[in-house]
Structure formats: C-alpha cells, structure tokens
N, C-alpha and C. Protein backbone atom coordinates (compact mmCIF):
# COMPACT_ATOMS: atom_id res chain seq x y z
N ARG A 1 0.44 -1.65 0.04
CA ARG A 1 0.03 0.15 0.37
C ARG A 1 0.62 0.92 0.04
N ARG A 2 0.93 1.69 -0.82
CA ARG A 2 1.05 3.62 -0.95
C ARG A 2 0.65 4.32 -0.01
N ARG A 3 1.32 5.16 0.70
CA ARG A 3 1.14 6.15 1.61
C ARG A 3 1.09 7.59 0.75
N LYS A 4 -0.23 8.07 1.58
CA LYS A 4 -0.69 8.79 0.93
C LYS A 4 0.11 10.68 0.84
N ARG A 5 0.55 11.09 0.11
CA ARG A 5 1.59 12.52 -0.20
C ARG A 5 0.77 13.41 0.76
N VAL A 6 1.66 14.06 1.50
CA VAL A 6 0.89 15.67 2.72
C VAL A 6 2.16 16.56 2.07
N ARG A 7 1.24 17.77 2.11
CA ARG A 7 2.26 18.60 1.66
C ARG A 7 3.69 18.87 2.65
N GLY A 8 4.49 18.94 1.83
CA GLY A 8 6.24 18.98 2.61
C GLY A 8 6.73 17.63 2.43
N ASP A 9 6.22 16.31 1.97
CA ASP A 9 6.37 15.09 1.75
C ASP A 9 6.98 15.49 0.26
N LEU A 10 8.61 14.71 0.27
CA LEU A 10 9.01 14.99 -1.09
C LEU A 10 8.83 13.52 -1.84
N PRO A 11 8.69 13.66 -3.23
CA PRO A 11 8.90 11.98 -3.63
C PRO A 11 10.41 11.30 -3.74
N GLU A 12 10.26 9.96 -3.86
CA GLU A 12 11.64 9.13 -3.48
C GLU A 12 12.47 9.58 -4.54
N ASP A 13 11.98 9.60 -5.97
CA ASP A 13 12.88 9.93 -7.32
C ASP A 13 13.31 11.52 -6.44
N PHE A 14 12.60 12.37 -6.08
CA PHE A 14 14.13 14.04 -6.00
C PHE A 14 14.39 13.62 -4.61
N CYS A 15 14.51 13.00 -4.05
CA CYS A 15 15.63 12.60 -2.51
C CYS A 15 16.27 11.74 -3.25
N LYS A 16 16.22 11.02 -4.21
CA LYS A 16 17.64 10.38 -4.87
C LYS A 16 18.36 10.94 -6.16
N LEU A 17 17.38 11.75 -7.04
CA LEU A 17 18.04 13.05 -7.22
C LEU A 17 18.88 13.83 -6.58
N ALA A 18 18.56 14.38 -5.71
CA ALA A 18 19.66 15.24 -4.69
C ALA A 18 20.40 14.14 -4.52
N LEU A 19 20.19 13.57 -3.44
CA LEU A 19 21.36 12.70 -3.11
C LEU A 19 22.45 12.38 -4.24
N SER A 20 22.43 12.09 -5.30
CA SER A 20 23.41 11.84 -6.47
C SER A 20 24.18 13.65 -6.97
N LYS A 21 23.13 14.74 -6.92
CA LYS A 21 24.28 15.74 -7.04
C LYS A 21 25.18 15.78 -5.85
N LEU A 22 24.63 15.61 -4.58
CA LEU A 22 25.41 15.99 -3.81
C LEU A 22 27.05 14.95 -3.66
N LYS A 23 26.90 13.97 -4.42
CA LYS A 23 28.13 13.33 -4.85
C LYS A 23 28.85 14.43 -6.14
N THR A 24 30.38 14.96 -5.45
CA THR A 24 30.51 15.50 -6.64
C THR A 24 31.83 14.34 -7.30
N LYS A 25 31.85 13.54 -6.97
CA LYS A 25 32.52 12.82 -7.61
C LYS A 25 32.43 12.03 -8.90
N LYS A 26 32.91 11.83 -10.23
CA LYS A 26 32.53 11.33 -10.94
C LYS A 26 33.36 10.50 -11.47
N ARG A 27 33.08 9.08 -11.63
CA ARG A 27 33.88 7.83 -12.33
C ARG A 27 34.03 8.37 -13.31
N VAL A 28 35.64 7.56 -13.71
CA VAL A 28 36.53 8.12 -15.02
C VAL A 28 37.28 7.10 -15.55
N ASN A 29 36.47 6.31 -16.44
CA ASN A 29 37.64 4.82 -16.96
C ASN A 29 38.20 5.49 -18.12
N ARG A 30 39.68 5.51 -17.67
CA ARG A 30 40.86 5.31 -18.98
C ARG A 30 41.30 4.03 -19.21
N SER A 31 41.26 3.48 -20.25
CA SER A 31 42.00 2.34 -20.63
C SER A 31 41.27 0.62 -19.24
N THR A 32 41.93 0.42 -18.39
CA THR A 32 41.20 -0.45 -17.59
C THR A 32 41.78 0.09 -16.09
N MET A 33 41.75 1.51 -15.88
CA MET A 33 42.22 1.87 -14.30
C MET A 33 40.96 3.06 -14.34
N GLN A 34 40.50 2.61 -13.07
CA GLN A 34 39.03 3.38 -12.80
C GLN A 34 39.42 3.94 -11.44
N TYR A 35 39.56 5.44 -11.87
CA TYR A 35 39.13 6.21 -10.49
C TYR A 35 38.45 7.22 -10.53
N TYR A 36 38.51 7.58 -9.19
CA TYR A 36 37.06 9.23 -9.40
C TYR A 36 38.28 10.47 -9.70
N ARG A 37 37.25 11.28 -9.98
CA ARG A 37 37.57 12.88 -10.26
C ARG A 37 36.87 13.61 -9.60
N TYR A 38 37.28 14.56 -9.14
CA TYR A 38 36.49 15.92 -8.57
C TYR A 38 35.89 16.54 -10.22
N GLU A 39 34.64 16.87 -10.22
CA GLU A 39 34.13 17.50 -10.90
C GLU A 39 34.10 19.28 -10.88
N ASN A 40 34.52 19.77 -9.62
CA ASN A 40 34.52 21.13 -8.63
C ASN A 40 35.46 20.96 -7.80
N THR A 41 36.59 21.84 -8.60
CA THR A 41 37.70 22.18 -7.46
C THR A 41 37.40 22.23 -5.96
N GLU A 42 37.99 21.83 -5.05
CA GLU A 42 37.28 22.18 -3.38
C GLU A 42 38.70 23.19 -3.34
N VAL A 43 39.56 23.88 -3.87
CA VAL A 43 41.23 24.68 -3.69
C VAL A 43 40.57 25.62 -4.41
N SER A 44 40.38 26.73 -3.58
CA SER A 44 40.38 28.56 -4.56
C SER A 44 41.70 27.90 -5.33
N CYS A 45 41.33 28.74 -6.31
CA CYS A 45 42.53 28.70 -7.35
C CYS A 45 43.66 29.80 -7.14
N CYS A 46 43.37 30.93 -6.36
CA CYS A 46 44.30 31.81 -5.79
C CYS A 46 44.82 31.07 -4.65
N TYR A 47 44.38 30.58 -3.90
CA TYR A 47 45.12 29.95 -3.06
C TYR A 47 45.96 28.77 -3.26
N LYS A 48 45.42 27.98 -4.26
CA LYS A 48 46.40 26.86 -4.85
C LYS A 48 47.54 27.39 -5.88
N TYR A 49 47.59 28.99 -6.36
CA TYR A 49 48.74 29.23 -7.04
C TYR A 49 49.45 30.54 -5.98
N LEU A 50 48.92 30.63 -4.99
CA LEU A 50 49.90 31.63 -3.91
C LEU A 50 50.77 30.31 -3.30
N MET A 51 50.20 29.16 -2.85
CA MET A 51 51.00 28.04 -2.09
C MET A 51 52.07 27.72 -2.94
N PHE A 52 51.64 27.77 -4.22
CA PHE A 52 52.67 26.94 -5.45
C PHE A 52 53.78 28.11 -5.58
N SER A 53 53.74 29.54 -5.51
CA SER A 53 54.34 30.15 -5.65
C SER A 53 55.85 30.36 -4.55
N TYR A 54 54.55 29.96 -3.47
CA TYR A 54 55.66 30.27 -2.19
C TYR A 54 56.36 28.73 -1.76
N ASN A 55 56.04 27.58 -2.01
CA ASN A 55 56.91 26.63 -2.28
C ASN A 55 58.14 26.10 -3.34
N ILE A 56 57.75 26.78 -4.28
CA ILE A 56 58.74 26.60 -5.34
C ILE A 56 60.09 27.46 -4.81
N ILE A 57 59.75 29.11 -4.40
CA ILE A 57 60.95 29.49 -3.81
C ILE A 57 61.72 28.59 -2.89
N PHE A 58 60.94 27.80 -1.97
CA PHE A 58 62.07 26.94 -1.10
C PHE A 58 62.01 25.65 -1.57
N TRP A 59 61.78 25.72 -2.81
CA TRP A 59 62.40 24.43 -3.39
C TRP A 59 63.66 24.61 -4.21
N LEU A 60 63.78 26.00 -5.30
CA LEU A 60 64.57 26.56 -5.33
C LEU A 60 66.07 26.95 -4.48
N ALA A 61 65.36 27.33 -2.95
CA ALA A 61 66.36 27.93 -1.86
C ALA A 61 66.85 26.45 -1.38
N GLY A 62 65.63 25.21 -1.65
CA GLY A 62 66.85 23.97 -1.23
C GLY A 62 67.81 23.63 -2.18
N ALA A 63 67.47 23.69 -3.41
CA ALA A 63 68.44 23.54 -4.45
C ALA A 63 69.52 24.36 -4.42
N ALA A 64 69.79 25.49 -4.19
CA ALA A 64 70.90 26.28 -3.99
C ALA A 64 71.83 26.12 -2.67
N PHE A 65 70.78 25.79 -1.65
CA PHE A 65 72.02 25.24 -0.53
C PHE A 65 72.48 24.11 -0.77
N ILE A 66 72.02 23.33 -1.48
CA ILE A 66 72.93 21.63 -1.72
C ILE A 66 73.65 21.73 -2.83
N ALA A 67 73.71 22.80 -3.94
CA ALA A 67 74.42 23.64 -4.82
C ALA A 67 75.70 24.22 -3.84
N ILE A 68 75.49 25.13 -3.12
CA ILE A 68 76.59 25.79 -2.10
C ILE A 68 77.29 24.96 -1.18
N GLY A 69 76.92 23.67 -0.90
CA GLY A 69 77.35 22.89 -0.18
C GLY A 69 78.07 21.81 -1.23
N PHE A 70 77.95 21.38 -1.96
CA PHE A 70 78.73 20.60 -3.07
C PHE A 70 79.79 21.60 -3.24
N TRP A 71 79.46 22.54 -3.57
CA TRP A 71 80.76 23.98 -4.04
C TRP A 71 81.79 23.89 -3.17
N ALA A 72 81.31 24.10 -1.90
CA ALA A 72 81.85 24.43 -0.68
C ALA A 72 83.35 23.04 -0.57
N TRP A 73 82.44 21.64 -0.32
CA TRP A 73 83.15 20.55 -0.46
C TRP A 73 84.58 20.44 -1.69
N SER A 74 83.81 21.03 -2.95
CA SER A 74 84.50 20.53 -4.12
C SER A 74 85.95 22.03 -3.96
N GLU A 75 85.41 22.88 -3.52
CA GLU A 75 86.34 23.76 -3.08
C GLU A 75 87.88 23.40 -2.28
N LYS A 76 87.12 22.56 -1.31
CA LYS A 76 88.09 22.13 -0.02
C LYS A 76 88.80 20.06 -0.78
N GLY A 77 88.36 19.99 -1.82
CA GLY A 77 89.18 19.09 -2.41
C GLY A 77 88.38 17.42 -2.01
N VAL A 78 86.92 18.28 -1.05
CA VAL A 78 86.75 16.98 -0.33
C VAL A 78 85.85 15.72 -1.83
N LEU A 79 85.61 16.35 -2.94
CA LEU A 79 84.86 15.38 -3.83
C LEU A 79 85.89 14.43 -4.56
N LEU A 80 87.00 15.14 -4.76
CA LEU A 80 87.50 14.51 -5.12
C LEU A 80 88.09 13.27 -4.45
N ASP A 81 88.46 13.38 -3.40
CA ASP A 81 88.71 12.07 -2.67
C ASP A 81 87.57 12.44 -1.23
N LEU A 82 86.80 11.49 -1.24
CA LEU A 82 85.59 11.01 -0.36
C LEU A 82 86.32 10.34 0.93
N THR A 83 87.39 10.06 1.03
CA THR A 83 87.42 9.55 1.98
C THR A 83 88.13 10.67 2.88
N GLN A 84 87.77 11.41 2.42
CA GLN A 84 87.92 12.63 3.49
C GLN A 84 87.16 13.36 4.45
N VAL A 85 85.76 13.33 3.93
CA VAL A 85 84.46 12.70 4.45
C VAL A 85 84.68 12.51 6.17
N THR A 86 85.23 11.12 5.99
CA THR A 86 85.33 10.42 7.74
C THR A 86 86.38 10.65 8.27
N ARG A 87 87.56 11.37 7.62
CA ARG A 87 88.75 11.72 8.68
C ARG A 87 88.60 13.43 9.12
N MET A 88 87.46 13.96 8.52
CA MET A 88 87.42 15.51 8.81
C MET A 88 87.41 15.58 10.69
N HIS A 89 88.18 16.49 11.37
CA HIS A 89 88.30 16.17 12.75
C HIS A 89 87.72 17.39 13.04
N GLY A 90 86.72 17.69 14.00
CA GLY A 90 85.82 18.64 14.29
C GLY A 90 84.33 18.26 13.60
N PHE A 91 83.73 19.65 13.38
CA PHE A 91 82.71 19.89 12.67
C PHE A 91 82.67 20.47 11.36
N ASP A 92 82.22 19.56 10.48
CA ASP A 92 82.22 21.02 9.13
C ASP A 92 80.85 21.49 8.86
N PRO A 93 80.99 22.75 8.90
CA PRO A 93 79.68 23.49 8.53
C PRO A 93 78.99 22.76 7.18
N VAL A 94 79.68 22.49 6.44
CA VAL A 94 79.33 22.11 5.08
C VAL A 94 77.43 21.28 5.63
N TRP A 95 77.85 20.16 6.54
CA TRP A 95 76.87 19.24 6.70
C TRP A 95 75.51 19.91 6.62
N VAL A 96 75.57 20.66 8.02
CA VAL A 96 74.77 21.55 7.94
C VAL A 96 73.57 22.15 6.49
N VAL A 97 74.87 22.63 5.69
CA VAL A 97 74.27 23.31 4.30
C VAL A 97 73.72 22.03 4.09
N LEU A 98 73.94 21.39 3.66
CA LEU A 98 73.55 20.21 2.61
C LEU A 98 72.46 19.27 3.59
N VAL A 99 72.58 18.98 4.58
CA VAL A 99 71.59 18.43 5.88
C VAL A 99 70.09 19.51 5.30
N VAL A 100 70.57 20.50 5.48
CA VAL A 100 69.23 21.96 5.56
C VAL A 100 68.50 22.18 3.95
N GLY A 101 69.32 21.92 3.31
CA GLY A 101 69.01 21.97 1.49
C GLY A 101 68.58 20.44 1.37
N THR A 102 68.47 19.62 1.70
CA THR A 102 68.20 18.34 1.14
C THR A 102 66.55 18.78 2.08
N VAL A 103 66.44 19.29 3.06
CA VAL A 103 65.07 19.12 3.74
C VAL A 103 64.34 20.14 3.05
N THR A 104 64.71 21.41 2.99
CA THR A 104 64.22 22.11 2.23
C THR A 104 63.83 21.77 0.87
N PHE A 105 64.51 21.09 0.20
CA PHE A 105 63.96 20.51 -1.26
C PHE A 105 62.89 20.12 -1.38
N ILE A 106 63.39 18.94 -0.54
CA ILE A 106 62.27 17.92 -0.28
C ILE A 106 61.04 18.57 0.05
N LEU A 107 60.71 19.34 1.12
CA LEU A 107 59.37 20.02 1.45
C LEU A 107 59.00 21.00 0.21
N GLY A 108 59.48 21.60 -0.47
CA GLY A 108 59.55 22.41 -1.67
C GLY A 108 58.81 21.80 -2.67
N PHE A 109 59.52 20.64 -2.90
CA PHE A 109 59.06 19.76 -3.78
C PHE A 109 57.35 18.93 -3.79
N ALA A 110 57.49 18.92 -2.18
CA ALA A 110 55.94 17.82 -2.03
C ALA A 110 55.41 19.23 -1.85
N GLY A 111 55.47 20.33 -0.96
CA GLY A 111 54.35 21.32 -1.31
C GLY A 111 54.15 21.99 -2.42
N CYS A 112 55.16 22.34 -3.53
CA CYS A 112 54.84 22.92 -4.51
C CYS A 112 53.66 21.97 -5.99
N VAL A 113 54.41 20.77 -5.88
CA VAL A 113 53.74 19.51 -6.93
C VAL A 113 52.66 19.24 -6.10
N GLY A 114 52.42 19.03 -5.23
CA GLY A 114 51.15 19.03 -4.21
C GLY A 114 50.23 19.75 -4.63
N ALA A 115 50.27 21.30 -4.34
CA ALA A 115 49.76 21.93 -4.64
C ALA A 115 49.03 22.32 -5.98
N LEU A 116 50.31 22.14 -6.91
CA LEU A 116 49.78 22.30 -8.36
C LEU A 116 48.90 21.39 -8.67
N ARG A 117 49.28 19.95 -8.51
CA ARG A 117 48.46 19.04 -8.88
C ARG A 117 47.34 18.23 -8.31
N GLU A 118 46.94 19.30 -6.97
CA GLU A 118 46.57 18.93 -5.51
C GLU A 118 46.32 17.61 -5.59
N ASN A 119 47.41 16.90 -5.43
CA ASN A 119 48.02 15.39 -4.66
C ASN A 119 47.87 15.51 -3.43
N ILE A 120 46.54 14.90 -2.91
CA ILE A 120 46.45 14.66 -1.52
C ILE A 120 47.59 14.17 -0.82
N CYS A 121 48.41 13.21 -1.70
CA CYS A 121 49.36 12.43 -1.00
C CYS A 121 50.42 13.05 -0.41
N LEU A 122 50.96 13.91 -1.44
CA LEU A 122 52.10 14.87 -1.09
C LEU A 122 51.54 16.30 0.08
N LEU A 123 50.80 16.21 -0.37
CA LEU A 123 49.85 17.78 0.93
C LEU A 123 50.04 16.90 2.04
N LYS A 124 49.65 15.91 1.87
CA LYS A 124 49.83 15.08 3.17
C LYS A 124 51.34 15.15 3.95
N PHE A 125 52.07 14.42 3.26
CA PHE A 125 53.55 14.44 3.40
C PHE A 125 54.18 16.29 3.98
N PHE A 126 53.78 16.42 2.92
CA PHE A 126 53.87 18.16 3.47
C PHE A 126 53.97 18.88 4.94
N SER A 127 52.72 18.20 4.75
CA SER A 127 51.81 18.97 6.56
C SER A 127 52.58 18.01 7.30
N GLY A 128 52.46 17.09 6.98
CA GLY A 128 53.24 15.69 8.53
C GLY A 128 54.79 16.40 8.82
N LEU A 129 55.20 16.57 7.63
CA LEU A 129 56.95 16.75 8.06
C LEU A 129 57.29 18.00 8.26
N ILE A 130 56.33 18.87 8.09
CA ILE A 130 56.37 20.47 8.74
C ILE A 130 55.60 20.19 10.46
N GLY A 131 54.83 19.38 10.62
CA GLY A 131 54.87 18.95 12.00
C GLY A 131 55.54 18.48 12.58
N PHE A 132 56.52 17.51 12.15
CA PHE A 132 57.41 16.67 12.34
C PHE A 132 58.63 17.64 13.16
N ILE A 133 58.45 18.49 11.76
CA ILE A 133 59.71 19.23 12.04
C ILE A 133 59.78 20.65 13.06
N PHE A 134 58.39 21.30 13.45
CA PHE A 134 57.70 21.90 14.57
C PHE A 134 57.77 20.77 15.97
N PHE A 135 57.32 20.03 15.62
CA PHE A 135 57.65 19.03 17.02
C PHE A 135 59.16 18.89 17.74
N LEU A 136 60.23 18.48 16.53
CA LEU A 136 61.35 18.24 17.25
C LEU A 136 62.03 19.68 17.42
N GLU A 137 61.58 21.24 16.86
CA GLU A 137 62.34 22.48 17.44
C GLU A 137 61.22 23.06 18.44
N LEU A 138 60.27 22.32 19.35
CA LEU A 138 59.36 22.56 20.46
C LEU A 138 60.41 21.46 21.42
N THR A 139 60.63 19.89 20.80
CA THR A 139 61.21 19.46 21.94
C THR A 139 62.43 19.72 22.23
N ALA A 140 63.43 20.23 21.12
CA ALA A 140 65.07 20.94 21.64
C ALA A 140 64.61 22.24 22.34
N ALA A 141 63.93 22.94 22.60
CA ALA A 141 63.61 24.44 22.91
C ALA A 141 63.29 23.79 24.56
N VAL A 142 62.52 22.91 24.63
CA VAL A 142 62.13 22.19 25.79
C VAL A 142 63.42 22.06 26.59
N LEU A 143 64.33 20.80 25.61
CA LEU A 143 65.23 20.53 26.03
C LEU A 143 66.65 21.14 26.82
N ALA A 144 66.80 22.57 25.68
CA ALA A 144 67.65 23.57 26.27
C ALA A 144 67.43 24.67 27.30
N PHE A 145 65.99 24.01 27.59
CA PHE A 145 66.05 25.45 28.51
C PHE A 145 66.13 24.25 30.24
N VAL A 146 65.47 22.98 30.35
CA VAL A 146 65.57 22.20 30.90
C VAL A 146 66.84 21.74 31.32
N PHE A 147 67.69 21.59 30.32
CA PHE A 147 69.67 21.18 30.52
C PHE A 147 70.22 22.30 29.94
N GLN A 148 69.87 23.65 30.84
CA GLN A 148 70.83 25.01 30.43
C GLN A 148 72.23 24.73 30.58
N ASP A 149 72.82 24.53 31.89
CA ASP A 149 73.98 24.76 32.25
C ASP A 149 74.75 23.22 31.41
N PRO A 150 74.55 21.68 31.39
CA PRO A 150 75.16 20.98 30.35
C PRO A 150 75.62 21.45 29.35
N LEU A 151 74.21 22.32 28.42
CA LEU A 151 74.27 22.60 27.29
C LEU A 151 74.93 23.61 27.09
N ARG A 152 75.17 24.53 27.95
CA ARG A 152 76.47 25.78 27.58
C ARG A 152 77.65 25.28 27.50
N ASP A 153 77.93 24.78 28.65
CA ASP A 153 79.42 24.00 28.80
C ASP A 153 79.49 23.43 27.45
N TRP A 154 78.30 22.00 26.59
CA TRP A 154 78.66 21.80 25.32
C TRP A 154 78.92 22.75 24.42
N ILE A 155 78.54 23.83 24.04
CA ILE A 155 78.21 24.53 23.03
C ILE A 155 79.72 25.22 23.38
N SER A 156 80.53 25.79 24.83
CA SER A 156 81.37 26.36 24.38
C SER A 156 82.76 25.20 24.25
N ASP A 157 82.45 23.97 24.74
CA ASP A 157 83.93 23.07 24.01
C ASP A 157 83.52 23.08 22.96
N PHE A 158 82.06 23.00 21.64
CA PHE A 158 81.71 22.61 20.61
C PHE A 158 83.03 23.21 19.87
N PHE A 159 82.47 24.88 20.26
CA PHE A 159 83.13 26.33 19.62
C PHE A 159 84.89 26.26 19.92
N LEU A 160 85.11 26.06 20.88
CA LEU A 160 86.41 26.04 21.15
C LEU A 160 87.04 24.74 20.19
N THR A 161 86.74 23.36 20.31
CA THR A 161 86.95 22.25 19.04
C THR A 161 87.09 22.90 17.35
N ASN A 162 85.85 23.79 17.09
CA ASN A 162 85.94 24.49 15.63
C ASN A 162 86.87 25.44 15.49
N LEU A 163 87.31 26.39 16.43
CA LEU A 163 88.32 27.46 16.74
C LEU A 163 89.60 26.65 16.44
N ARG A 164 89.94 25.77 16.81
CA ARG A 164 91.21 25.21 16.85
C ARG A 164 91.24 24.33 15.60
N GLY A 165 90.20 23.49 14.76
CA GLY A 165 89.85 23.64 13.58
C GLY A 165 90.04 24.45 12.48
N TYR A 166 89.24 25.66 12.92
CA TYR A 166 89.46 26.52 11.95
C TYR A 166 90.71 27.35 11.46
N ARG A 167 91.71 27.42 12.83
CA ARG A 167 92.74 27.89 12.60
C ARG A 167 93.65 26.79 11.85
N GLU A 168 93.72 25.59 11.93
CA GLU A 168 94.93 24.66 11.28
C GLU A 168 93.82 24.04 10.06
N ASP A 169 93.08 24.42 9.71
CA ASP A 169 92.64 24.29 8.03
C ASP A 169 92.23 25.76 7.24
N ILE A 170 93.40 25.60 6.34
CA ILE A 170 93.68 26.90 5.84
C ILE A 170 92.39 26.76 4.61
N ASP A 171 92.00 25.81 4.17
CA ASP A 171 91.26 25.80 3.11
C ASP A 171 89.33 26.19 3.36
N LEU A 172 89.83 26.16 4.80
CA LEU A 172 88.49 26.74 5.77
C LEU A 172 88.29 27.81 5.65
N GLN A 173 89.61 28.53 6.06
CA GLN A 173 89.78 29.74 6.62
C GLN A 173 89.52 30.76 5.40
N ASN A 174 89.89 29.93 3.92
CA ASN A 174 89.49 30.98 2.80
C ASN A 174 88.23 30.54 2.42
N LEU A 175 87.28 29.45 2.40
CA LEU A 175 86.32 29.29 1.97
C LEU A 175 85.05 30.28 3.30
N ILE A 176 85.41 30.60 4.56
CA ILE A 176 84.94 31.51 5.07
C ILE A 176 85.13 32.83 5.21
C-alpha cells in the first residue's frame, strides 16, 4: 500500500536525485584503470597558486643550499677524495648546509607539486613533515631550557674545538 503524500513530503525520486547531485565525484574509466575525479575543485585557484609560488621559492632555495654545499666541498677538495669526509676533525659546517638544503628541497617539492596537482598524498606528506619539524623544534627548546648548564658547557667546548680546527685548516679559512 502506498502512503498518501502530504504537503511537505518529497517524492522518492527527488531524494535520490538530490543525493546523486551531492556527490561531486565522477567515475572516469581510462583504459582499464578506474578512478574518481572531482568535477569541482575544492581549493580556491588563488590559494592554490599562492601556495605553489611560495613553495617553489623554497624548492629553489633548497637546490641552492645543496649546490653551495657541494661547491664548498669541491673547493676543499673533498669531492676528489671522498674518504676525507670520514677523516675530518671537528665539525664541518657543510654538513649543516647540505642537510638543511635537502630537507628544504624535499619540502618545497612536496608542497609545490602537491599544491599544483592537488595531490592529497604529497600535501599530507608536506603537512606531516612540517608538523614533525615543529615538534622537533619544540622538543629542542624544552630540552635546552631544562638542561641549560650542560648545554652551555657543551656549546663552549664545541666552539673551542671548531676554532682550533678553523685555525689549522687553511681551506676552511679561505672558504669562510
């Protein structure tokens, strides 16, 4: 038995049509692979290209840091004899430049391509890595506050060791 429609009731076909319109995904079949593609972009075009341009600057800066690090090693002759990397006494600042450049390059790439292509996986990697770096900075700040005295002694010993290495290494003097 069918129920009689009262004012305010919607027909079932209308409800099905409204639910199908709410779904913005469209099934696309290319060769044998099927995937869903959004008909409407969910991100503002202005925000998308702003994030792209912001991250391309970091991507290029990371590449510049990596290039500067390898240039510094080539000036010191480390690239000609890679065993010098393990034989260095003290701390070589080129390591910091290379690590910062690599992390910046990877972050810039993930943010740049993720924003441009609206790739959810790259954007999640980007935000996860940014969150992880923030957590590391927060942890370092708390540990530095808690262990102020031992940290002060360690930093003074670190600088004294590197100053001795600076005075003995003519290539490092010329580079700096």
